[in-house]
Amino acid sequence: MTYLYAFLFSGTICVLGELVYKFTKLTPGHITSILVVIGSILEGCGIYEPLKKVFKGGISSLIINFGALITKGFNEMYDNKGILFIFNGGFYYTSAVISFTIFYSVILSFLPKWKTK
């Protein structure tokens, strides 16, 4: 059942994203940003963790997770060290993702450009 729940949740988010892209004038960048904000709101309201217990990897593999991790880091740093350190918290949980993205982008920049017609 875990795999089914994860698949259904991820699939639902992807279908909703495709529908928004198809029937509105929003670009993929806009939709990605909206999903990050949704994840941040879910974490800020305390809804993300219960969803994570039910959907496991289905919610952890989406861009929604990135927003939730940023907010989680902000909240923990604010609670532990105060308001001056909240931006450090944003990088605490997301630094591996950001580092991998930069590394992957550099590797892909060395590949030849694809010719399109």
Protein backbone atom coordinates (compact mmCIF):
# COMPACT_ATOMS: atom_id res chain seq x y z
CA MET A 1 0.00 0.00 0.00
CA THR A 2 2.93 2.34 0.65
CA TYR A 3 3.94 2.25 -3.01
CA LEU A 4 0.37 2.80 -4.13
CA TYR A 5 -0.10 5.83 -1.88
CA ALA A 6 3.25 7.29 -2.97
CA PHE A 7 2.40 6.76 -6.63
CA LEU A 8 -1.09 8.21 -6.31
CA PHE A 9 0.10 11.32 -4.47
CA SER A 10 3.00 12.01 -6.83
CA GLY A 11 0.85 11.27 -9.85
CA THR A 12 -1.87 13.60 -8.63
CA ILE A 13 0.60 16.45 -8.15
CA CYS A 14 2.07 15.84 -11.62
CA VAL A 15 -1.36 15.73 -13.27
CA LEU A 16 -2.38 18.95 -11.52
CA GLY A 17 0.85 20.60 -12.64
CA GLU A 18 0.26 19.49 -16.23
CA LEU A 19 -3.32 20.76 -16.16
CA VAL A 20 -2.22 24.12 -14.79
CA TYR A 21 0.45 24.32 -17.50
CA LYS A 22 -1.94 23.36 -20.28
CA PHE A 23 -4.91 25.53 -19.35
CA THR A 24 -3.20 28.64 -18.01
CA LYS A 25 -0.45 30.92 -19.22
CA LEU A 26 1.89 29.90 -16.40
CA THR A 27 5.34 28.67 -17.36
CA PRO A 28 7.07 25.64 -15.84
CA GLY A 29 9.12 28.05 -13.72
CA HIS A 30 5.96 29.56 -12.27
CA ILE A 31 4.51 26.13 -11.50
CA THR A 32 7.73 24.99 -9.86
CA SER A 33 7.79 28.10 -7.70
CA ILE A 34 4.16 27.57 -6.71
CA LEU A 35 4.94 23.98 -5.66
CA VAL A 36 7.90 25.15 -3.54
CA VAL A 37 5.65 27.69 -1.83
CA ILE A 38 2.97 25.03 -1.26
CA GLY A 39 5.56 22.80 0.41
CA SER A 40 6.71 25.69 2.55
CA ILE A 41 3.15 26.49 3.62
CA LEU A 42 2.45 22.83 4.42
CA GLU A 43 5.57 22.66 6.61
CA GLY A 44 4.82 25.99 8.26
CA CYS A 45 1.29 24.88 9.16
CA GLY A 46 2.47 21.51 10.47
CA ILE A 47 0.65 19.53 7.78
CA TYR A 48 3.72 18.25 5.90
CA GLU A 49 4.93 15.72 8.48
CA PRO A 50 1.57 13.90 8.76
CA LEU A 51 1.41 13.78 4.96
CA LYS A 52 4.95 12.43 4.88
CA LYS A 53 3.98 9.61 7.24
CA VAL A 54 1.16 8.56 4.91
CA PHE A 55 2.73 9.12 1.47
CA LYS A 56 6.40 8.44 2.41
CA GLY A 57 8.58 8.81 -0.72
CA GLY A 58 5.69 10.07 -2.80
CA ILE A 59 5.86 13.46 -1.14
CA SER A 60 9.60 13.44 -0.46
CA SER A 61 10.59 13.13 -4.10
CA LEU A 62 8.73 16.18 -5.37
CA ILE A 63 9.74 19.83 -5.50
CA ILE A 64 7.25 20.33 -2.67
CA ASN A 65 9.83 18.70 -0.41
CA PHE A 66 12.36 21.44 -1.23
CA GLY A 67 10.04 24.14 0.09
CA ALA A 68 9.29 22.08 3.18
CA LEU A 69 13.00 21.54 3.89
CA ILE A 70 13.78 25.25 3.58
CA THR A 71 11.00 26.12 6.01
CA LYS A 72 12.03 23.34 8.39
CA GLY A 73 15.57 24.73 8.45
CA PHE A 74 14.32 28.27 9.03
CA ASN A 75 12.12 27.14 11.92
CA GLU A 76 14.84 25.09 13.60
CA MET A 77 17.45 27.83 13.39
CA TYR A 78 14.98 30.40 14.66
CA ASP A 79 14.12 28.17 17.64
CA ASN A 80 17.75 27.28 18.42
CA LYS A 81 19.77 30.41 17.61
CA GLY A 82 17.38 33.28 16.95
CA ILE A 83 16.30 35.37 14.03
CA LEU A 84 19.81 36.33 12.88
CA PHE A 85 20.59 32.74 11.87
CA ILE A 86 17.40 31.77 10.03
CA PHE A 87 19.00 31.95 6.57
CA ASN A 88 21.64 29.45 7.67
CA GLY A 89 18.78 27.08 8.43
CA GLY A 90 17.49 27.33 4.89
CA PHE A 91 20.78 25.92 3.64
CA TYR A 92 21.15 23.34 6.41
CA TYR A 93 18.75 20.82 4.87
CA THR A 94 18.97 21.88 1.24
CA SER A 95 22.72 22.24 0.73
CA ALA A 96 23.09 18.72 -0.69
CA VAL A 97 20.32 19.34 -3.23
CA ILE A 98 21.75 22.70 -4.25
CA SER A 99 25.29 21.28 -4.51
CA PHE A 100 24.12 18.35 -6.64
CA THR A 101 22.19 20.69 -8.93
CA ILE A 102 25.24 22.89 -9.47
CA PHE A 103 27.49 19.87 -10.07
CA TYR A 104 25.01 18.33 -12.51
CA SER A 105 24.64 21.63 -14.38
CA VAL A 106 28.41 21.95 -14.79
CA ILE A 107 28.67 18.40 -16.13
CA LEU A 108 25.83 18.99 -18.58
CA SER A 109 27.39 22.24 -19.78
CA PHE A 110 30.26 20.21 -21.30
CA LEU A 111 27.93 18.11 -23.45
CA PRO A 112 27.50 19.21 -27.06
CA LYS A 113 24.51 21.35 -27.90
CA TRP A 114 21.61 19.52 -29.50
CA LYS A 115 20.58 20.74 -32.90
CA THR A 116 16.89 21.40 -33.31
CA LYS A 117 15.04 21.89 -36.54
